[in-house]
Amino acid sequence: MGGTARLQHRIRRPQQEPIASQQQVTDDGLRHLAHQLGERVKELNCLFGISEIVERSGGSLDTILQETVELLPPSWEFPEIACARIELGGREYQTDNYASSTWKLAGDIFVRGKRAGVIEVCYLEEKPGREEGPFSAEERKLLNAIAERLGHVAERLQTERLLHGQQQELRERLTHLSRVSTMGEMASNIAHEVNQPLTAISTYAQAAKRLMAADQVSGSYVMDVLTRISEEALRAGEIIHRLKDLVRKRGSSRERFDVNRLIHDIEQLAAVDCRLHDVQLRMVLSKSLPPVLVDGVQIQQVVLNLIRNGVDAMEDVDHEPREVVIRTIQRKEGEIEVSVSDRGCGPPDDIGDQLFQPFFTTKDDGLGMGLSISRSIVQSHGGNMWYARNPHGGTTFFFSLPATSEDDNDSQ
């Protein structure tokens, strides 16, 4: 029995060592797999993080690139010695600890098929190498994926800026076209208005000439005639000057203006149209309004368009008063409100907001662009436009503009 037990013992002992060795191999394998899984999770978090950066960046490429470069080192296997740099479009973004080193992984950034920049991750000291170097194959794929993503983002933002510029140019052309169209519709009225001072100038000059020929003129009379001629010439010149300002093609620029002053500057042109249609123009303007940061000519275009719409709305109205009333007030929300009221027929009850849609018009000969462009102008200045029916007939159109202060920028 004893011999048999010793034999069994000798047989069992060699079998126990492979079991321990196999367990060790299994543990090492699990730790390696866990490490690899952790590295892949870091890489996925990096890609997801870049998507979040792009989403919240507001279209700022600078923000995207700077935040992305800060996101790179923690995504690599040895983040404590990693640094990163991105170069794109002639600008450079890097981590605070960036320094070029021998242990570098780089990928080119392509925009529209052309090399536009580079992305780099460096180790600041050597780590145990692999056959492929200090960086894993997965890290190389990650860097290339990030470079490709940044190239697509830069290309999309460039396209958006280009489209925005084209839209802005088209908007300015339409705005200018609308302004010229309005002046064209008023051309006969303006010509009549300018003709009056020119006729007066001619009359005064002819009278003075006859009196001088008869040797019956006195110095005081000559001064009186010259004064009248000067006044009429200034009157005609002011109309032409204001017309020229409104139809001149120009880039949009914003400055601080007093809304009341902008309205007063077009009062003479607006009064021409009102007078020849037997409509009274009345102004009720609040005093001491804060300034607004606007393109003055565009805001005058809006007011003039609303006045002309009011005049047109009263074309077939016989009741009194036939008037257009312009009001300005300061709202509690820090906005200036401008309103233009008429006593006309008003728009149909069922049109709602269609009145502001392009090419929608209630006029037989209208283009349907005036109100659409007017609201577009107001909204581009951070305001809004709406309308309401008056209790005693007619319509009031309102628009608001944000008030500004001396601390705000003078231009945008």
Protein backbone atom coordinates (compact mmCIF):
# COMPACT_ATOMS: atom_id res chain seq x y z
CA MET A 1 0.00 0.00 0.00
CA GLY A 2 2.75 2.38 0.87
CA GLY A 3 4.46 1.77 -2.44
CA THR A 4 1.27 2.37 -4.27
CA ALA A 5 0.63 5.72 -2.46
CA ARG A 6 4.13 6.94 -3.23
CA LEU A 7 3.64 6.05 -6.86
CA GLN A 8 0.35 8.01 -7.03
CA HIS A 9 2.03 10.96 -5.36
CA ARG A 10 4.81 10.93 -7.92
CA ILE A 11 2.22 10.81 -10.67
CA ARG A 12 0.12 13.76 -9.34
CA ARG A 13 2.92 16.28 -8.66
CA PRO A 14 3.93 16.87 -12.32
CA GLN A 15 0.25 17.63 -13.12
CA GLN A 16 -0.07 20.50 -10.56
CA GLU A 17 2.60 22.79 -12.10
CA PRO A 18 0.98 23.17 -15.59
CA ILE A 19 -2.31 24.15 -13.92
CA ALA A 20 -0.65 27.09 -12.07
CA SER A 21 1.22 28.13 -15.18
CA GLN A 22 -1.96 28.06 -17.26
CA GLN A 23 -3.75 30.20 -14.66
CA GLN A 24 -0.96 32.78 -14.84
CA VAL A 25 -1.20 32.89 -18.62
CA THR A 26 -4.96 33.34 -18.40
CA ASP A 27 -4.65 36.23 -15.90
CA ASP A 28 -2.03 37.96 -18.04
CA GLY A 29 -4.23 37.56 -21.07
CA LEU A 30 -7.23 39.04 -19.28
CA ARG A 31 -5.19 41.98 -18.03
CA HIS A 32 -3.90 42.58 -21.56
CA LEU A 33 -7.40 42.40 -23.00
CA ALA A 34 -8.70 44.75 -20.29
CA HIS A 35 -5.89 47.18 -21.07
CA GLN A 36 -6.59 47.01 -24.78
CA LEU A 37 -10.30 47.49 -24.16
CA GLY A 38 -9.56 50.53 -22.00
CA GLU A 39 -7.43 52.02 -24.78
CA ARG A 40 -10.19 51.48 -27.33
CA VAL A 41 -12.71 53.14 -24.98
CA LYS A 42 -10.37 56.15 -24.70
CA GLU A 43 -10.20 56.35 -28.49
CA LEU A 44 -13.98 56.19 -28.83
CA ASN A 45 -14.34 58.88 -26.15
CA CYS A 46 -11.88 61.03 -28.11
CA LEU A 47 -13.92 60.76 -31.32
CA PHE A 48 -17.16 61.39 -29.42
CA GLY A 49 -15.56 64.35 -27.64
CA ILE A 50 -14.56 65.93 -30.96
CA SER A 51 -18.16 65.58 -32.17
CA GLU A 52 -19.33 67.40 -29.03
CA ILE A 53 -16.75 70.15 -29.56
CA VAL A 54 -17.93 70.70 -33.14
CA GLU A 55 -21.56 70.75 -31.99
CA ARG A 56 -21.09 73.44 -29.33
CA SER A 57 -18.45 75.51 -31.14
CA GLY A 58 -20.94 77.78 -32.89
CA GLY A 59 -19.03 77.35 -36.15
CA SER A 60 -15.72 78.67 -34.75
CA LEU A 61 -12.86 76.70 -36.29
CA ASP A 62 -10.42 78.23 -33.77
CA THR A 63 -12.48 76.84 -30.89
CA ILE A 64 -12.74 73.40 -32.50
CA LEU A 65 -9.01 73.08 -33.13
CA GLN A 66 -7.87 74.39 -29.76
CA GLU A 67 -10.25 72.16 -27.79
CA THR A 68 -9.39 69.17 -29.97
CA VAL A 69 -5.67 69.57 -29.40
CA GLU A 70 -6.31 69.56 -25.62
CA LEU A 71 -8.36 66.37 -25.99
CA LEU A 72 -5.63 64.37 -27.74
CA PRO A 73 -3.03 63.58 -25.01
CA PRO A 74 -5.51 61.92 -22.59
CA SER A 75 -6.59 59.64 -25.44
CA TRP A 76 -3.13 58.13 -25.93
CA GLU A 77 -1.61 55.19 -24.06
CA PHE A 78 0.80 57.30 -21.98
CA PRO A 79 -1.06 60.60 -21.44
CA GLU A 80 1.32 61.83 -18.72
CA ILE A 81 4.12 62.31 -21.27
CA ALA A 82 2.00 63.10 -24.32
CA CYS A 83 1.59 66.48 -26.05
CA ALA A 84 -0.13 67.55 -29.26
CA ARG A 85 -0.10 70.16 -32.00
CA ILE A 86 -2.45 71.04 -34.88
CA GLU A 87 -1.52 73.33 -37.75
CA LEU A 88 -4.24 74.38 -40.18
CA GLY A 89 -4.80 77.36 -42.43
CA GLY A 90 -1.55 79.05 -41.38
CA ARG A 91 -2.48 78.96 -37.68
CA GLU A 92 -1.07 76.71 -34.95
CA TYR A 93 -2.76 75.20 -31.91
CA GLN A 94 -0.85 73.23 -29.28
CA THR A 95 -0.95 71.95 -25.73
CA ASP A 96 0.89 73.97 -23.09
CA ASN A 97 3.56 71.27 -22.74
CA TYR A 98 4.14 70.81 -26.46
CA ALA A 99 7.68 70.13 -27.63
CA SER A 100 8.73 68.37 -30.79
CA SER A 101 10.48 65.06 -30.08
CA THR A 102 11.85 61.94 -31.71
CA TRP A 103 8.77 59.98 -30.67
CA LYS A 104 6.21 61.58 -32.94
CA LEU A 105 3.05 60.45 -34.69
CA ALA A 106 1.76 62.78 -37.46
CA GLY A 107 -1.07 62.86 -39.97
CA ASP A 108 -1.86 65.28 -42.79
CA ILE A 109 -5.11 67.26 -42.87
CA PHE A 110 -6.66 67.61 -46.32
CA VAL A 111 -9.25 70.23 -47.26
CA ARG A 112 -10.88 69.99 -50.69
CA GLY A 113 -8.30 67.39 -51.73
CA LYS A 114 -5.28 69.57 -50.88
CA ARG A 115 -2.94 69.28 -47.92
CA ALA A 116 -3.92 72.14 -45.61
CA GLY A 117 -2.29 71.21 -42.31
CA VAL A 118 -0.99 68.56 -39.96
CA ILE A 119 -1.87 66.98 -36.63
CA GLU A 120 0.88 65.64 -34.32
CA VAL A 121 1.06 63.70 -31.07
CA CYS A 122 4.48 63.41 -29.40
CA TYR A 123 5.88 61.59 -26.38
CA LEU A 124 8.29 63.69 -24.35
CA GLU A 125 10.32 60.63 -23.30
CA GLU A 126 10.91 57.15 -24.64
CA LYS A 127 8.64 54.27 -23.67
CA PRO A 128 9.17 50.52 -24.27
CA GLY A 129 8.82 50.18 -27.99
CA ARG A 130 6.89 47.79 -30.12
CA GLU A 131 7.78 46.41 -33.49
CA GLU A 132 5.80 49.26 -35.05
CA GLY A 133 7.32 51.90 -32.71
CA PRO A 134 6.08 53.70 -29.57
CA PHE A 135 2.56 54.15 -31.02
CA SER A 136 0.14 51.32 -31.63
CA ALA A 137 -1.55 50.59 -34.94
CA GLU A 138 -4.87 51.62 -33.39
CA GLU A 139 -3.42 55.00 -32.37
CA ARG A 140 -2.23 55.55 -35.92
CA LYS A 141 -5.74 54.80 -37.19
CA LEU A 142 -7.20 57.16 -34.57
CA LEU A 143 -4.91 60.03 -35.59
CA ASN A 144 -5.76 59.55 -39.26
CA ALA A 145 -9.48 59.46 -38.43
CA ILE A 146 -9.17 62.71 -36.46
CA ALA A 147 -7.20 64.36 -39.28
CA GLU A 148 -9.87 63.31 -41.78
CA ARG A 149 -12.66 64.58 -39.50
CA LEU A 150 -10.98 67.96 -39.01
CA GLY A 151 -10.50 68.30 -42.77
CA HIS A 152 -14.22 67.67 -43.34
CA VAL A 153 -15.15 70.16 -40.60
CA ALA A 154 -12.88 72.87 -42.03
CA GLU A 155 -14.30 72.26 -45.51
CA ARG A 156 -17.89 72.49 -44.26
CA LEU A 157 -17.23 75.71 -42.34
CA GLN A 158 -15.56 77.25 -45.39
CA THR A 159 -18.59 76.33 -47.49
CA GLU A 160 -20.96 77.78 -44.91
CA ARG A 161 -19.00 81.06 -44.79
CA LEU A 162 -19.02 81.22 -48.59
CA LEU A 163 -22.77 80.59 -48.73
CA HIS A 164 -23.39 83.13 -45.98
CA GLY A 165 -21.38 85.73 -47.89
CA GLN A 166 -23.32 85.00 -51.06
CA GLN A 167 -26.63 85.19 -49.19
CA GLN A 168 -25.60 88.49 -47.64
CA GLU A 169 -24.63 89.88 -51.04
CA LEU A 170 -27.93 88.70 -52.55
CA ARG A 171 -29.85 90.22 -49.63
CA GLU A 172 -28.09 93.56 -50.09
CA ARG A 173 -28.81 93.52 -53.82
CA LEU A 174 -32.49 92.79 -53.23
CA THR A 175 -32.63 95.51 -50.59
CA HIS A 176 -31.05 98.00 -52.98
CA LEU A 177 -33.36 96.91 -55.80
CA SER A 178 -36.37 97.41 -53.54
CA ARG A 179 -35.13 100.88 -52.61
CA VAL A 180 -34.62 101.85 -56.24
CA SER A 181 -38.05 100.44 -57.10
CA THR A 182 -39.67 102.54 -54.39
CA MET A 183 -37.92 105.67 -55.63
CA GLY A 184 -38.97 104.79 -59.17
CA GLU A 185 -42.60 104.59 -58.10
CA MET A 186 -42.25 108.00 -56.47
CA ALA A 187 -40.32 109.50 -59.41
CA SER A 188 -43.22 111.49 -60.86
CA ASN A 189 -44.15 112.88 -57.46
CA ILE A 190 -40.54 113.78 -56.70
CA ALA A 191 -40.14 115.42 -60.11
CA HIS A 192 -43.24 117.51 -59.40
CA GLU A 193 -41.88 118.48 -55.98
CA VAL A 194 -38.46 119.47 -57.36
CA ASN A 195 -40.08 121.38 -60.19
CA GLN A 196 -41.78 123.76 -57.73
CA PRO A 197 -38.59 125.29 -56.29
CA LEU A 198 -36.98 125.35 -59.73
CA THR A 199 -39.99 127.26 -61.09
CA ALA A 200 -39.81 129.66 -58.15
CA ILE A 201 -36.10 130.24 -58.74
CA SER A 202 -36.75 131.02 -62.39
CA THR A 203 -39.63 133.37 -61.50
CA TYR A 204 -37.59 135.32 -58.93
CA ALA A 205 -34.63 135.59 -61.28
CA GLN A 206 -36.78 136.84 -64.17
CA ALA A 207 -38.48 139.42 -61.94
CA ALA A 208 -35.15 140.72 -60.67
CA LYS A 209 -33.84 140.89 -64.23
CA ARG A 210 -36.81 142.98 -65.43
CA LEU A 211 -36.55 145.38 -62.51
CA MET A 212 -32.82 145.82 -63.06
CA ALA A 213 -33.43 146.48 -66.78
CA ALA A 214 -35.94 149.17 -65.81
CA ASP A 215 -33.47 150.60 -63.29
CA GLN A 216 -36.10 150.25 -60.56
CA VAL A 217 -34.34 147.80 -58.27
CA SER A 218 -33.09 148.60 -54.78
CA GLY A 219 -30.37 146.90 -52.81
CA SER A 220 -32.80 145.58 -50.21
CA TYR A 221 -35.04 144.11 -52.90
CA VAL A 222 -32.10 142.35 -54.56
CA MET A 223 -31.09 140.85 -51.21
CA ASP A 224 -34.65 139.63 -50.65
CA VAL A 225 -34.80 138.01 -54.11
CA LEU A 226 -31.41 136.38 -53.69
CA THR A 227 -32.44 135.02 -50.29
CA ARG A 228 -35.59 133.50 -51.78
CA ILE A 229 -33.62 132.00 -54.67
CA SER A 230 -31.13 130.51 -52.21
CA GLU A 231 -33.89 128.99 -50.07
CA GLU A 232 -35.61 127.40 -53.06
CA ALA A 233 -32.32 126.07 -54.40
CA LEU A 234 -31.55 124.49 -51.02
CA ARG A 235 -35.03 122.98 -50.95
CA ALA A 236 -34.56 121.36 -54.35
CA GLY A 237 -31.03 120.30 -53.50
CA GLU A 238 -32.13 118.64 -50.26
CA ILE A 239 -34.73 116.54 -52.09
CA ILE A 240 -32.20 115.45 -54.70
CA HIS A 241 -29.55 114.79 -52.04
CA ARG A 242 -31.91 112.60 -50.00
CA LEU A 243 -33.01 110.73 -53.14
CA LYS A 244 -29.38 110.14 -54.09
CA ASP A 245 -28.56 108.77 -50.63
CA LEU A 246 -31.43 106.31 -50.78
CA VAL A 247 -30.75 104.90 -54.26
CA ARG A 248 -26.95 104.79 -54.06
CA LYS A 249 -25.56 101.26 -54.00
CA ARG A 250 -23.35 100.81 -51.00
CA GLY A 251 -22.14 98.22 -48.55
CA SER A 252 -24.00 97.82 -45.31
CA SER A 253 -22.42 99.61 -42.35
CA ARG A 254 -23.89 100.24 -38.94
CA GLU A 255 -23.54 103.30 -36.77
CA ARG A 256 -25.33 104.81 -33.80
CA PHE A 257 -28.37 106.80 -34.85
CA ASP A 258 -31.24 108.59 -33.19
CA VAL A 259 -34.33 106.92 -34.71
CA ASN A 260 -36.21 110.22 -34.63
CA ARG A 261 -33.45 111.87 -36.67
CA LEU A 262 -33.56 109.11 -39.28
CA ILE A 263 -37.31 109.62 -39.63
CA HIS A 264 -37.03 113.41 -39.85
CA ASP A 265 -34.42 113.06 -42.62
CA ILE A 266 -36.93 111.29 -44.91
CA GLU A 267 -39.91 113.40 -43.86
CA GLN A 268 -39.63 115.65 -46.91
CA LEU A 269 -39.62 112.74 -49.37
CA ALA A 270 -42.48 111.00 -47.55
CA ALA A 271 -44.49 114.24 -47.37
CA VAL A 272 -44.26 114.58 -51.17
CA ASP A 273 -46.05 111.27 -51.67
CA CYS A 274 -48.62 112.02 -48.95
CA ARG A 275 -49.43 115.50 -50.19
CA LEU A 276 -50.04 114.44 -53.78
CA HIS A 277 -52.46 111.73 -52.55
CA ASP A 278 -54.28 114.10 -50.22
CA VAL A 279 -52.95 112.33 -47.12
CA GLN A 280 -51.62 114.09 -44.05
CA LEU A 281 -48.35 112.88 -42.54
CA ARG A 282 -48.23 113.24 -38.76
CA MET A 283 -45.37 112.41 -36.42
CA VAL A 284 -45.63 111.59 -32.71
CA LEU A 285 -42.03 110.96 -31.69
CA SER A 286 -40.96 110.34 -28.10
CA LYS A 287 -38.12 112.49 -26.86
CA SER A 288 -34.77 111.42 -25.43
CA LEU A 289 -34.71 107.96 -26.97
CA PRO A 290 -31.48 105.97 -26.64
CA PRO A 291 -29.58 105.42 -29.90
CA VAL A 292 -29.77 102.30 -32.04
CA LEU A 293 -26.90 100.59 -33.85
CA VAL A 294 -28.19 100.32 -37.42
CA ASP A 295 -27.65 100.86 -41.12
CA GLY A 296 -29.45 104.21 -41.26
CA VAL A 297 -30.45 104.06 -44.93
CA GLN A 298 -31.95 100.58 -44.54
CA ILE A 299 -34.07 101.65 -41.57
CA GLN A 300 -35.23 104.73 -43.53
CA GLN A 301 -36.14 102.36 -46.37
CA VAL A 302 -38.34 100.37 -43.97
CA VAL A 303 -40.13 103.49 -42.68
CA LEU A 304 -40.61 104.91 -46.17
CA ASN A 305 -42.04 101.61 -47.40
CA LEU A 306 -44.53 101.46 -44.52
CA ILE A 307 -45.60 105.07 -45.17
CA ARG A 308 -46.17 104.36 -48.87
CA ASN A 309 -48.17 101.23 -48.00
CA GLY A 310 -50.34 103.35 -45.71
CA VAL A 311 -50.89 105.93 -48.45
CA ASP A 312 -51.81 103.19 -50.94
CA ALA A 313 -54.23 101.64 -48.42
CA MET A 314 -56.22 104.92 -48.30
CA GLU A 315 -56.42 105.38 -52.05
CA ASP A 316 -60.14 104.47 -52.20
CA VAL A 317 -61.05 105.67 -48.70
CA ASP A 318 -63.16 108.84 -48.40
CA HIS A 319 -63.64 109.19 -44.66
CA GLU A 320 -61.59 111.56 -42.52
CA PRO A 321 -58.98 111.80 -41.28
CA ARG A 322 -56.88 110.60 -44.20
CA GLU A 323 -53.57 110.44 -42.39
CA VAL A 324 -50.52 108.35 -41.75
CA VAL A 325 -49.15 108.59 -38.22
CA ILE A 326 -45.57 107.67 -37.28
CA ARG A 327 -44.84 107.02 -33.62
CA THR A 328 -41.71 106.13 -31.68
CA ILE A 329 -41.56 104.89 -28.09
CA GLN A 330 -39.08 103.18 -25.81
CA ARG A 331 -40.24 99.79 -24.60
CA LYS A 332 -39.38 98.44 -21.15
CA GLU A 333 -37.41 95.57 -22.67
CA GLY A 334 -34.70 97.98 -23.83
CA GLU A 335 -36.04 98.32 -27.37
CA ILE A 336 -37.16 101.19 -29.54
CA GLU A 337 -40.54 100.64 -31.18
CA VAL A 338 -41.55 102.41 -34.39
CA SER A 339 -45.13 102.23 -35.64
CA VAL A 340 -46.82 103.48 -38.82
CA SER A 341 -50.64 103.71 -38.72
CA ASP A 342 -53.12 104.39 -41.49
CA ARG A 343 -56.91 104.66 -41.78
CA GLY A 344 -57.16 102.53 -44.91
CA CYS A 345 -59.09 99.43 -45.82
CA GLY A 346 -56.66 97.05 -44.12
CA PRO A 347 -55.51 93.62 -45.30
CA PRO A 348 -57.98 90.72 -45.68
CA ASP A 349 -58.83 88.90 -42.44
CA ASP A 350 -57.56 85.48 -43.53
CA ILE A 351 -54.02 86.26 -44.71
CA GLY A 352 -52.28 86.16 -41.32
CA ASP A 353 -48.48 86.17 -41.61
CA GLN A 354 -48.59 85.70 -45.38
CA LEU A 355 -48.35 89.46 -45.66
CA PHE A 356 -44.60 89.20 -44.98
CA GLN A 357 -43.96 86.35 -47.39
CA PRO A 358 -42.02 87.09 -50.60
CA PHE A 359 -44.17 87.81 -53.66
CA PHE A 360 -47.40 87.97 -51.63
CA THR A 361 -49.27 91.20 -52.30
CA THR A 362 -52.74 92.67 -51.96
CA LYS A 363 -52.02 95.35 -54.58
CA ASP A 364 -52.97 94.93 -58.21
CA ASP A 365 -49.59 96.15 -59.41
CA GLY A 366 -47.43 95.14 -56.42
CA LEU A 367 -44.37 92.88 -56.49
CA GLY A 368 -44.90 91.54 -52.97
CA MET A 369 -41.31 92.23 -51.89
CA GLY A 370 -41.59 95.42 -49.84
CA LEU A 371 -42.80 93.99 -46.53
CA SER A 372 -40.71 90.83 -46.90
CA ILE A 373 -37.51 92.83 -47.39
CA SER A 374 -38.50 95.28 -44.67
CA ARG A 375 -38.94 92.51 -42.10
CA SER A 376 -35.68 90.91 -43.25
CA ILE A 377 -33.88 94.23 -42.66
CA VAL A 378 -35.38 94.62 -39.19
CA GLN A 379 -34.60 91.03 -38.19
CA SER A 380 -31.00 91.37 -39.37
CA HIS A 381 -30.72 94.26 -36.89
CA GLY A 382 -31.95 92.07 -34.03
CA GLY A 383 -35.54 93.38 -34.10
CA ASN A 384 -38.93 92.15 -35.20
CA MET A 385 -41.87 93.34 -37.32
CA TRP A 386 -45.60 92.70 -36.95
CA TYR A 387 -48.96 94.36 -37.59
CA ALA A 388 -52.36 94.86 -35.95
CA ARG A 389 -55.75 96.05 -37.18
CA ASN A 390 -56.89 99.37 -35.71
CA PRO A 391 -60.19 99.43 -33.77
CA HIS A 392 -61.54 102.30 -35.89
CA GLY A 393 -60.25 101.03 -39.23
CA GLY A 394 -56.91 100.77 -40.91
CA THR A 395 -53.70 98.99 -39.92
CA THR A 396 -50.67 99.69 -37.78
CA PHE A 397 -47.33 98.16 -38.66
CA PHE A 398 -44.78 97.94 -35.87
CA PHE A 399 -41.09 97.18 -35.80
CA SER A 400 -38.63 97.09 -32.93
CA LEU A 401 -34.90 97.72 -32.72
CA PRO A 402 -32.60 96.99 -29.77
CA ALA A 403 -31.38 100.14 -28.04
CA THR A 404 -27.63 100.53 -27.64
CA SER A 405 -25.28 102.46 -25.38
CA GLU A 406 -21.96 104.22 -25.61
CA ASP A 407 -20.21 101.04 -24.46
CA ASP A 408 -21.33 99.07 -27.50
CA ASN A 409 -19.24 98.83 -30.67
CA ASP A 410 -19.88 101.44 -33.31
CA SER A 411 -20.04 98.93 -36.12
CA GLN A 412 -20.57 95.30 -36.81
